[in-house]
């Protein structure tokens, strides 16, 4: 399970940089359809969601009294079910302000390096107590990494859909001209 999570982390890191890099600065802030976020808003939400994980994993912890991977199935079931629209807690909702693609590329580079460092230096079998996950309780370090991977996969998929919609809109506009 450890290796699966480490591999998933590395793959989502690559996929995240690839999808973000594929947007122009203008596309990054375009809302592709009613009710959608822009790619920039998705990036902001994802960043707000994972930027504090290294701090949590360097914070207070206790010996785990259960399987340290116990909640990974629940996390994956919730975040990888693309048929359900999830309600984000308010503190990680994106703002309406324009976003800088370069800012988020740099911010994710820093956060992903911090997470990679934590994976190699912290005992992730421990339960981390500084931030109980909403509706799921305290996570072990491995469960936090699972969350980072599953949540990233969900939003990388969302950004791919946004990119496809934007390309379709551009193509349709070009055909009409």
N, C-alpha and C. Protein backbone atom coordinates (compact mmCIF):
# COMPACT_ATOMS: atom_id res chain seq x y z
N UNK A 1 0.83 -1.20 0.00
CA UNK A 1 0.00 0.00 0.00
C UNK A 1 0.87 1.26 0.00
N UNK A 2 1.97 1.22 0.76
CA UNK A 2 2.87 2.38 0.79
C UNK A 2 3.34 2.72 -0.62
N UNK A 3 3.82 1.70 -1.33
CA UNK A 3 4.36 1.94 -2.67
C UNK A 3 3.27 2.45 -3.62
N UNK A 4 2.06 1.92 -3.48
CA UNK A 4 0.94 2.38 -4.31
C UNK A 4 0.69 3.87 -4.08
N UNK A 5 0.72 4.30 -2.83
CA UNK A 5 0.49 5.72 -2.51
C UNK A 5 1.64 6.60 -3.00
N UNK A 6 2.87 6.13 -2.84
CA UNK A 6 4.03 6.90 -3.31
C UNK A 6 3.98 7.03 -4.84
N UNK A 7 3.69 5.93 -5.53
CA UNK A 7 3.57 5.96 -6.99
C UNK A 7 2.44 6.89 -7.41
N UNK A 8 1.29 6.78 -6.74
CA UNK A 8 0.16 7.66 -7.04
C UNK A 8 0.50 9.12 -6.83
N UNK A 9 1.26 9.40 -5.78
CA UNK A 9 1.68 10.78 -5.52
C UNK A 9 2.56 11.30 -6.65
N UNK A 10 3.53 10.49 -7.07
CA UNK A 10 4.43 10.92 -8.16
C UNK A 10 3.66 11.09 -9.47
N UNK A 11 2.75 10.17 -9.76
CA UNK A 11 1.96 10.26 -11.00
C UNK A 11 1.06 11.49 -11.01
N UNK A 12 0.39 11.76 -9.88
CA UNK A 12 -0.48 12.94 -9.85
C UNK A 12 0.33 14.23 -9.89
N UNK A 13 1.53 14.20 -9.35
CA UNK A 13 2.39 15.38 -9.44
C UNK A 13 2.71 15.67 -10.90
N UNK A 14 3.12 14.65 -11.64
CA UNK A 14 3.41 14.81 -13.06
C UNK A 14 2.17 15.26 -13.83
N UNK A 15 1.04 14.60 -13.57
CA UNK A 15 -0.21 14.94 -14.27
C UNK A 15 -0.66 16.36 -13.96
N UNK A 16 -0.50 16.77 -12.71
CA UNK A 16 -0.91 18.11 -12.31
C UNK A 16 -0.11 19.17 -13.07
N UNK A 17 1.21 19.01 -13.13
CA UNK A 17 2.04 19.99 -13.83
C UNK A 17 1.75 19.97 -15.33
N UNK A 18 1.47 18.81 -15.86
CA UNK A 18 1.16 18.69 -17.28
C UNK A 18 -0.14 19.42 -17.62
N UNK A 19 -1.19 19.20 -16.84
CA UNK A 19 -2.47 19.85 -17.15
C UNK A 19 -2.38 21.35 -16.92
N UNK A 20 -1.75 21.78 -15.84
CA UNK A 20 -1.63 23.22 -15.59
C UNK A 20 -0.83 23.91 -16.70
N UNK A 21 0.24 23.28 -17.12
CA UNK A 21 1.09 23.86 -18.16
C UNK A 21 0.38 23.96 -19.50
N UNK A 22 -0.62 23.13 -19.72
CA UNK A 22 -1.33 23.12 -20.99
C UNK A 22 -2.29 24.29 -21.20
N UNK A 23 -2.61 25.00 -20.16
CA UNK A 23 -3.50 26.16 -20.28
C UNK A 23 -2.70 27.41 -20.61
N UNK A 24 -3.25 28.26 -21.47
CA UNK A 24 -2.67 29.60 -21.61
C UNK A 24 -3.12 30.39 -20.38
N UNK A 25 -2.47 31.52 -20.14
CA UNK A 25 -2.88 32.35 -19.00
C UNK A 25 -4.35 32.77 -19.16
N UNK A 26 -4.77 33.10 -20.37
CA UNK A 26 -6.16 33.51 -20.60
C UNK A 26 -7.12 32.35 -20.33
N UNK A 27 -6.80 31.16 -20.84
CA UNK A 27 -7.66 29.99 -20.62
C UNK A 27 -7.76 29.64 -19.14
N UNK A 28 -6.68 29.86 -18.41
CA UNK A 28 -6.61 29.52 -16.99
C UNK A 28 -7.72 30.19 -16.19
N UNK A 29 -8.16 31.36 -16.65
CA UNK A 29 -9.19 32.12 -15.93
C UNK A 29 -10.56 32.10 -16.60
N UNK A 30 -10.71 31.34 -17.68
CA UNK A 30 -12.00 31.27 -18.38
C UNK A 30 -12.90 30.22 -17.74
N UNK A 31 -14.14 30.59 -17.55
CA UNK A 31 -15.14 29.63 -17.07
C UNK A 31 -15.75 29.00 -18.31
N UNK A 32 -15.61 27.67 -18.46
CA UNK A 32 -15.99 27.02 -19.71
C UNK A 32 -17.49 26.84 -19.92
N UNK A 33 -18.25 26.77 -18.81
CA UNK A 33 -19.69 26.60 -18.93
C UNK A 33 -20.34 27.00 -17.60
N UNK A 34 -21.60 27.31 -17.66
CA UNK A 34 -22.35 27.77 -16.48
C UNK A 34 -22.24 26.73 -15.36
N UNK A 35 -21.94 27.22 -14.18
CA UNK A 35 -21.84 26.35 -13.01
C UNK A 35 -20.46 25.75 -12.80
N UNK A 36 -19.53 26.03 -13.71
CA UNK A 36 -18.18 25.48 -13.60
C UNK A 36 -17.24 26.49 -12.96
N UNK A 37 -16.15 25.98 -12.43
CA UNK A 37 -15.03 26.82 -12.03
C UNK A 37 -14.10 26.94 -13.22
N UNK A 38 -13.25 27.95 -13.21
CA UNK A 38 -12.16 28.03 -14.18
C UNK A 38 -11.06 27.07 -13.72
N UNK A 39 -10.12 26.78 -14.60
CA UNK A 39 -8.97 25.95 -14.22
C UNK A 39 -8.20 26.62 -13.08
N UNK A 40 -8.11 27.94 -13.12
CA UNK A 40 -7.44 28.67 -12.05
C UNK A 40 -8.13 28.50 -10.71
N UNK A 41 -9.46 28.50 -10.72
CA UNK A 41 -10.19 28.29 -9.48
C UNK A 41 -10.01 26.86 -8.96
N UNK A 42 -9.99 25.90 -9.87
CA UNK A 42 -9.73 24.51 -9.47
C UNK A 42 -8.33 24.42 -8.85
N UNK A 43 -7.36 25.06 -9.49
CA UNK A 43 -5.99 25.04 -8.96
C UNK A 43 -5.94 25.69 -7.58
N UNK A 44 -6.63 26.81 -7.41
CA UNK A 44 -6.63 27.48 -6.10
C UNK A 44 -7.25 26.57 -5.03
N UNK A 45 -8.37 25.94 -5.37
CA UNK A 45 -9.03 25.03 -4.43
C UNK A 45 -8.09 23.87 -4.06
N UNK A 46 -7.48 23.27 -5.06
CA UNK A 46 -6.58 22.14 -4.82
C UNK A 46 -5.39 22.58 -3.96
N UNK A 47 -4.85 23.74 -4.27
CA UNK A 47 -3.73 24.26 -3.49
C UNK A 47 -4.13 24.51 -2.04
N UNK A 48 -5.29 25.16 -1.85
CA UNK A 48 -5.76 25.41 -0.48
C UNK A 48 -5.96 24.10 0.27
N UNK A 49 -6.37 23.07 -0.45
CA UNK A 49 -6.64 21.77 0.17
C UNK A 49 -5.37 21.05 0.59
N UNK A 50 -4.31 21.18 -0.18
CA UNK A 50 -3.12 20.38 0.13
C UNK A 50 -1.94 21.16 0.69
N UNK A 51 -1.99 22.48 0.65
CA UNK A 51 -0.81 23.26 1.07
C UNK A 51 -0.50 23.14 2.56
N UNK A 52 -1.49 22.81 3.37
CA UNK A 52 -1.23 22.68 4.81
C UNK A 52 -0.95 21.24 5.24
N UNK A 53 -1.03 20.29 4.31
CA UNK A 53 -0.77 18.90 4.68
C UNK A 53 0.65 18.72 5.24
N UNK A 54 1.68 19.31 4.63
CA UNK A 54 3.01 19.15 5.24
C UNK A 54 3.07 19.65 6.68
N UNK A 55 2.38 20.76 6.96
CA UNK A 55 2.37 21.30 8.32
C UNK A 55 1.67 20.31 9.27
N UNK A 56 0.54 19.75 8.83
CA UNK A 56 -0.17 18.76 9.64
C UNK A 56 0.74 17.56 9.91
N UNK A 57 1.45 17.11 8.88
CA UNK A 57 2.29 15.91 9.01
C UNK A 57 3.61 16.17 9.75
N UNK A 58 3.90 17.42 10.01
CA UNK A 58 5.04 17.76 10.85
C UNK A 58 4.57 18.22 12.23
N UNK A 59 3.25 18.09 12.47
CA UNK A 59 2.67 18.55 13.73
C UNK A 59 2.50 17.42 14.74
N UNK A 60 1.54 17.61 15.61
CA UNK A 60 1.29 16.66 16.69
C UNK A 60 0.75 15.35 16.15
N UNK A 61 1.21 14.27 16.75
CA UNK A 61 0.76 12.95 16.33
C UNK A 61 0.75 12.03 17.54
N UNK A 62 0.11 10.89 17.32
CA UNK A 62 0.07 9.86 18.37
C UNK A 62 0.20 8.50 17.72
N UNK A 63 0.51 7.51 18.54
CA UNK A 63 0.60 6.14 18.05
C UNK A 63 -0.77 5.74 17.49
N UNK A 64 -0.78 5.08 16.35
CA UNK A 64 -2.04 4.67 15.72
C UNK A 64 -2.50 3.35 16.33
N UNK A 65 -3.77 3.32 16.69
CA UNK A 65 -4.35 2.14 17.34
C UNK A 65 -5.15 1.28 16.36
N UNK A 66 -4.94 1.46 15.06
CA UNK A 66 -5.69 0.75 14.02
C UNK A 66 -4.78 0.59 12.81
N UNK A 67 -5.28 -0.05 11.79
CA UNK A 67 -4.52 -0.17 10.55
C UNK A 67 -4.28 1.24 9.99
N UNK A 68 -3.03 1.64 9.75
CA UNK A 68 -2.76 3.00 9.28
C UNK A 68 -3.29 3.29 7.87
N UNK A 69 -3.80 2.27 7.19
CA UNK A 69 -4.38 2.44 5.85
C UNK A 69 -5.90 2.26 5.86
N UNK A 70 -6.47 2.13 7.05
CA UNK A 70 -7.89 1.80 7.20
C UNK A 70 -8.83 2.71 6.42
N UNK A 71 -8.59 3.99 6.44
CA UNK A 71 -9.51 4.95 5.81
C UNK A 71 -9.21 5.21 4.34
N UNK A 72 -8.18 4.55 3.78
CA UNK A 72 -7.85 4.81 2.37
C UNK A 72 -8.97 4.39 1.43
N UNK A 73 -9.64 3.29 1.73
CA UNK A 73 -10.75 2.85 0.87
C UNK A 73 -11.87 3.89 0.91
N UNK A 74 -12.20 4.39 2.09
CA UNK A 74 -13.24 5.42 2.22
C UNK A 74 -12.84 6.68 1.46
N UNK A 75 -11.61 7.12 1.62
CA UNK A 75 -11.13 8.33 0.94
C UNK A 75 -11.24 8.16 -0.57
N UNK A 76 -10.75 7.04 -1.09
CA UNK A 76 -10.82 6.80 -2.53
C UNK A 76 -12.26 6.68 -3.01
N UNK A 77 -13.11 6.03 -2.23
CA UNK A 77 -14.52 5.88 -2.60
C UNK A 77 -15.20 7.24 -2.72
N UNK A 78 -14.93 8.12 -1.78
CA UNK A 78 -15.55 9.45 -1.80
C UNK A 78 -14.99 10.30 -2.93
N UNK A 79 -13.67 10.41 -3.03
CA UNK A 79 -13.07 11.38 -3.95
C UNK A 79 -12.93 10.89 -5.38
N UNK A 80 -12.99 9.59 -5.60
CA UNK A 80 -12.87 9.08 -6.96
C UNK A 80 -14.21 8.67 -7.56
N UNK A 81 -15.29 8.98 -6.86
CA UNK A 81 -16.64 8.76 -7.41
C UNK A 81 -17.03 10.02 -8.17
N UNK A 82 -16.81 9.98 -9.47
CA UNK A 82 -17.04 11.16 -10.29
C UNK A 82 -18.52 11.38 -10.59
N UNK A 83 -19.38 10.48 -10.17
CA UNK A 83 -20.82 10.66 -10.39
C UNK A 83 -21.42 11.58 -9.34
N UNK A 84 -20.67 11.82 -8.26
CA UNK A 84 -21.18 12.66 -7.17
C UNK A 84 -20.44 13.99 -7.14
N UNK A 85 -21.22 15.06 -7.07
CA UNK A 85 -20.65 16.40 -6.90
C UNK A 85 -20.45 16.61 -5.40
N UNK A 86 -19.25 16.92 -5.01
CA UNK A 86 -18.94 17.10 -3.59
C UNK A 86 -19.05 18.58 -3.22
N UNK A 87 -19.45 18.82 -1.99
CA UNK A 87 -19.55 20.19 -1.48
C UNK A 87 -18.26 20.50 -0.72
N UNK A 88 -17.55 21.49 -1.20
CA UNK A 88 -16.28 21.86 -0.60
C UNK A 88 -16.51 22.71 0.65
N UNK A 89 -15.73 22.47 1.72
CA UNK A 89 -15.81 23.37 2.88
C UNK A 89 -15.45 24.80 2.46
N UNK A 90 -16.07 25.74 3.08
CA UNK A 90 -15.90 27.14 2.69
C UNK A 90 -14.45 27.62 2.73
N UNK A 91 -13.67 27.12 3.69
CA UNK A 91 -12.30 27.63 3.85
C UNK A 91 -11.37 27.22 2.71
N UNK A 92 -11.80 26.32 1.82
CA UNK A 92 -10.96 25.97 0.67
C UNK A 92 -11.65 26.29 -0.66
N UNK A 93 -12.72 27.08 -0.60
CA UNK A 93 -13.36 27.51 -1.84
C UNK A 93 -12.47 28.54 -2.54
N UNK A 94 -12.44 28.52 -3.86
CA UNK A 94 -11.64 29.52 -4.58
C UNK A 94 -12.35 30.87 -4.60
N UNK A 95 -11.57 31.90 -4.81
CA UNK A 95 -12.13 33.24 -4.96
C UNK A 95 -12.45 33.49 -6.43
N UNK A 96 -13.14 34.59 -6.69
CA UNK A 96 -13.47 34.95 -8.08
C UNK A 96 -12.35 35.74 -8.75
N UNK A 97 -11.35 36.17 -8.00
CA UNK A 97 -10.26 36.98 -8.54
C UNK A 97 -9.47 36.20 -9.60
N UNK A 98 -8.94 36.89 -10.61
CA UNK A 98 -8.11 36.21 -11.62
C UNK A 98 -6.90 35.54 -10.97
N UNK A 99 -6.49 34.42 -11.55
CA UNK A 99 -5.39 33.62 -11.02
C UNK A 99 -4.20 33.65 -11.99
N UNK A 100 -3.02 33.58 -11.42
CA UNK A 100 -1.80 33.49 -12.22
C UNK A 100 -1.40 32.02 -12.34
N UNK A 101 -1.35 31.54 -13.56
CA UNK A 101 -0.93 30.15 -13.80
C UNK A 101 0.47 29.92 -13.24
N UNK A 102 1.40 30.84 -13.49
CA UNK A 102 2.78 30.69 -13.01
C UNK A 102 2.84 30.63 -11.48
N UNK A 103 2.00 31.43 -10.83
CA UNK A 103 1.96 31.40 -9.36
C UNK A 103 1.63 29.99 -8.88
N UNK A 104 0.60 29.37 -9.48
CA UNK A 104 0.19 28.05 -9.03
C UNK A 104 1.19 26.97 -9.42
N UNK A 105 1.83 27.10 -10.56
CA UNK A 105 2.89 26.14 -10.91
C UNK A 105 4.00 26.19 -9.86
N UNK A 106 4.40 27.40 -9.47
CA UNK A 106 5.44 27.55 -8.45
C UNK A 106 4.97 27.08 -7.08
N UNK A 107 3.73 27.40 -6.73
CA UNK A 107 3.19 27.01 -5.42
C UNK A 107 3.10 25.49 -5.31
N UNK A 108 2.62 24.83 -6.37
CA UNK A 108 2.55 23.37 -6.34
C UNK A 108 3.93 22.74 -6.33
N UNK A 109 4.88 23.35 -7.00
CA UNK A 109 6.24 22.82 -6.98
C UNK A 109 6.76 22.79 -5.54
N UNK A 110 6.53 23.87 -4.81
CA UNK A 110 6.97 23.96 -3.42
C UNK A 110 6.24 22.95 -2.55
N UNK A 111 4.92 22.92 -2.66
CA UNK A 111 4.13 22.02 -1.82
C UNK A 111 4.44 20.56 -2.11
N UNK A 112 4.57 20.21 -3.37
CA UNK A 112 4.86 18.82 -3.71
C UNK A 112 6.25 18.41 -3.23
N UNK A 113 7.22 19.33 -3.26
CA UNK A 113 8.55 19.03 -2.70
C UNK A 113 8.45 18.79 -1.20
N UNK A 114 7.65 19.63 -0.53
CA UNK A 114 7.47 19.48 0.92
C UNK A 114 6.81 18.12 1.23
N UNK A 115 5.80 17.77 0.45
CA UNK A 115 5.13 16.48 0.66
C UNK A 115 6.08 15.31 0.40
N UNK A 116 6.86 15.41 -0.66
CA UNK A 116 7.84 14.35 -0.98
C UNK A 116 8.83 14.20 0.18
N UNK A 117 9.25 15.31 0.75
CA UNK A 117 10.17 15.28 1.88
C UNK A 117 9.52 14.60 3.09
N UNK A 118 8.27 14.94 3.35
CA UNK A 118 7.54 14.34 4.47
C UNK A 118 7.42 12.82 4.28
N UNK A 119 7.11 12.40 3.07
CA UNK A 119 6.97 10.97 2.79
C UNK A 119 8.24 10.21 3.16
N UNK A 120 9.39 10.84 2.96
CA UNK A 120 10.65 10.14 3.22
C UNK A 120 11.20 10.35 4.63
N UNK A 121 10.66 11.31 5.40
CA UNK A 121 11.27 11.61 6.70
C UNK A 121 10.35 11.42 7.90
N UNK A 122 9.04 11.33 7.69
CA UNK A 122 8.10 11.27 8.81
C UNK A 122 7.50 9.86 8.89
N UNK A 123 7.22 9.42 10.10
CA UNK A 123 6.54 8.13 10.30
C UNK A 123 5.06 8.31 9.99
N UNK A 124 4.69 7.97 8.78
CA UNK A 124 3.32 8.20 8.31
C UNK A 124 2.32 7.18 8.84
N UNK A 125 2.79 6.21 9.59
CA UNK A 125 1.87 5.26 10.23
C UNK A 125 1.23 5.88 11.48
N UNK A 126 1.75 7.00 11.93
CA UNK A 126 1.20 7.69 13.10
C UNK A 126 -0.11 8.40 12.73
N UNK A 127 -0.91 8.69 13.73
CA UNK A 127 -2.15 9.46 13.56
C UNK A 127 -1.84 10.91 13.89
N UNK A 128 -2.21 11.79 12.97
CA UNK A 128 -1.89 13.22 13.13
C UNK A 128 -3.13 13.95 13.65
N UNK A 129 -2.92 14.71 14.72
CA UNK A 129 -4.05 15.20 15.52
C UNK A 129 -4.36 16.69 15.38
N UNK A 130 -3.56 17.44 14.65
CA UNK A 130 -3.77 18.89 14.57
C UNK A 130 -4.98 19.29 13.74
N UNK A 131 -5.39 18.45 12.79
CA UNK A 131 -6.52 18.81 11.93
C UNK A 131 -7.34 17.56 11.60
N UNK A 132 -8.40 17.30 12.38
CA UNK A 132 -9.27 16.17 12.01
C UNK A 132 -9.97 16.48 10.68
N UNK A 133 -9.95 15.53 9.78
CA UNK A 133 -10.55 15.73 8.47
C UNK A 133 -12.07 15.84 8.63
N UNK A 134 -12.71 16.85 7.98
CA UNK A 134 -14.16 17.00 8.12
C UNK A 134 -14.91 15.70 7.81
N UNK A 135 -15.75 15.30 8.69
CA UNK A 135 -16.64 14.13 8.59
C UNK A 135 -15.91 12.78 8.58
N UNK A 136 -14.58 12.77 8.63
CA UNK A 136 -13.85 11.50 8.63
C UNK A 136 -12.94 11.34 9.84
N UNK A 137 -12.67 12.43 10.56
CA UNK A 137 -11.84 12.33 11.76
C UNK A 137 -10.35 12.41 11.48
N UNK A 138 -9.58 11.98 12.46
CA UNK A 138 -8.13 12.05 12.35
C UNK A 138 -7.61 11.03 11.35
N UNK A 139 -6.62 11.45 10.59
CA UNK A 139 -5.99 10.61 9.58
C UNK A 139 -4.58 10.25 10.02
N UNK A 140 -4.13 9.09 9.55
CA UNK A 140 -2.71 8.77 9.63
C UNK A 140 -2.02 9.53 8.50
N UNK A 141 -0.72 9.54 8.52
CA UNK A 141 0.01 10.19 7.44
C UNK A 141 -0.28 9.56 6.09
N UNK A 142 -0.37 8.23 6.07
CA UNK A 142 -0.65 7.54 4.81
C UNK A 142 -2.03 7.91 4.29
N UNK A 143 -2.97 8.11 5.19
CA UNK A 143 -4.32 8.53 4.76
C UNK A 143 -4.30 9.96 4.23
N UNK A 144 -3.46 10.82 4.80
CA UNK A 144 -3.31 12.18 4.26
C UNK A 144 -2.71 12.13 2.85
N UNK A 145 -1.75 11.25 2.63
CA UNK A 145 -1.17 11.12 1.29
C UNK A 145 -2.22 10.56 0.34
N UNK A 146 -3.00 9.60 0.80
CA UNK A 146 -4.09 9.06 -0.02
C UNK A 146 -5.07 10.17 -0.41
N UNK A 147 -5.41 11.03 0.56
CA UNK A 147 -6.29 12.16 0.26
C UNK A 147 -5.66 13.05 -0.81
N UNK A 148 -4.38 13.39 -0.64
CA UNK A 148 -3.71 14.26 -1.62
C UNK A 148 -3.77 13.64 -3.02
N UNK A 149 -3.56 12.34 -3.10
CA UNK A 149 -3.57 11.65 -4.40
C UNK A 149 -4.99 11.62 -4.98
N UNK A 150 -5.97 11.15 -4.20
CA UNK A 150 -7.34 11.01 -4.70
C UNK A 150 -7.95 12.37 -5.04
N UNK A 151 -7.72 13.35 -4.20
CA UNK A 151 -8.26 14.69 -4.45
C UNK A 151 -7.62 15.31 -5.69
N UNK A 152 -6.32 15.10 -5.85
CA UNK A 152 -5.63 15.59 -7.05
C UNK A 152 -6.19 14.92 -8.30
N UNK A 153 -6.38 13.60 -8.25
CA UNK A 153 -6.93 12.89 -9.40
C UNK A 153 -8.28 13.46 -9.79
N UNK A 154 -9.11 13.71 -8.80
CA UNK A 154 -10.45 14.26 -9.05
C UNK A 154 -10.36 15.60 -9.79
N UNK A 155 -9.48 16.46 -9.32
CA UNK A 155 -9.41 17.81 -9.89
C UNK A 155 -8.56 17.88 -11.15
N UNK A 156 -7.63 16.98 -11.32
CA UNK A 156 -6.92 16.89 -12.61
C UNK A 156 -7.93 16.50 -13.68
N UNK A 157 -8.78 15.54 -13.35
CA UNK A 157 -9.85 15.13 -14.28
C UNK A 157 -10.74 16.33 -14.60
N UNK A 158 -11.10 17.10 -13.59
CA UNK A 158 -11.94 18.28 -13.78
C UNK A 158 -11.25 19.29 -14.70
N UNK A 159 -9.96 19.50 -14.51
CA UNK A 159 -9.23 20.45 -15.36
C UNK A 159 -9.12 19.94 -16.79
N UNK A 160 -9.02 18.62 -16.97
CA UNK A 160 -9.00 18.05 -18.33
C UNK A 160 -10.34 18.31 -19.03
N UNK A 161 -11.43 18.19 -18.31
CA UNK A 161 -12.76 18.47 -18.87
C UNK A 161 -12.85 19.95 -19.24
N UNK A 162 -12.36 20.81 -18.37
CA UNK A 162 -12.36 22.26 -18.64
C UNK A 162 -11.56 22.54 -19.91
N UNK A 163 -10.38 21.94 -20.01
CA UNK A 163 -9.53 22.15 -21.20
C UNK A 163 -10.26 21.70 -22.46
N UNK A 164 -10.90 20.53 -22.41
CA UNK A 164 -11.65 20.03 -23.57
C UNK A 164 -12.78 20.98 -23.95
N UNK A 165 -13.50 21.47 -22.95
CA UNK A 165 -14.61 22.39 -23.22
C UNK A 165 -14.09 23.69 -23.84
N UNK A 166 -12.98 24.20 -23.31
CA UNK A 166 -12.41 25.44 -23.85
C UNK A 166 -11.93 25.24 -25.28
N UNK A 167 -11.32 24.13 -25.56
CA UNK A 167 -10.87 23.85 -26.94
C UNK A 167 -12.08 23.73 -27.87
N UNK A 168 -13.14 23.12 -27.38
CA UNK A 168 -14.37 22.99 -28.17
C UNK A 168 -15.00 24.33 -28.46
N UNK A 169 -14.99 25.21 -27.48
CA UNK A 169 -15.54 26.57 -27.66
C UNK A 169 -14.71 27.33 -28.68
N UNK A 170 -13.36 27.23 -28.57
CA UNK A 170 -12.48 27.92 -29.53
C UNK A 170 -12.68 27.38 -30.94
N UNK A 171 -12.79 26.05 -31.03
CA UNK A 171 -12.98 25.43 -32.33
C UNK A 171 -14.31 25.89 -32.96
N UNK A 172 -15.38 25.90 -32.14
CA UNK A 172 -16.69 26.32 -32.63
C UNK A 172 -16.66 27.78 -33.05
N UNK A 173 -15.95 28.62 -32.31
CA UNK A 173 -15.85 30.04 -32.66
C UNK A 173 -15.08 30.19 -33.97
N UNK A 174 -14.02 29.39 -34.15
CA UNK A 174 -13.24 29.43 -35.39
C UNK A 174 -14.04 28.96 -36.57
N UNK A 175 -14.89 27.96 -36.39
CA UNK A 175 -15.73 27.44 -37.47
C UNK A 175 -16.78 28.47 -37.89
N UNK A 176 -17.24 29.28 -36.94
CA UNK A 176 -18.28 30.25 -37.23
C UNK A 176 -17.74 31.47 -37.96
N UNK A 177 -16.45 31.70 -37.82
CA UNK A 177 -15.85 32.92 -38.40
C UNK A 177 -15.74 32.86 -39.92
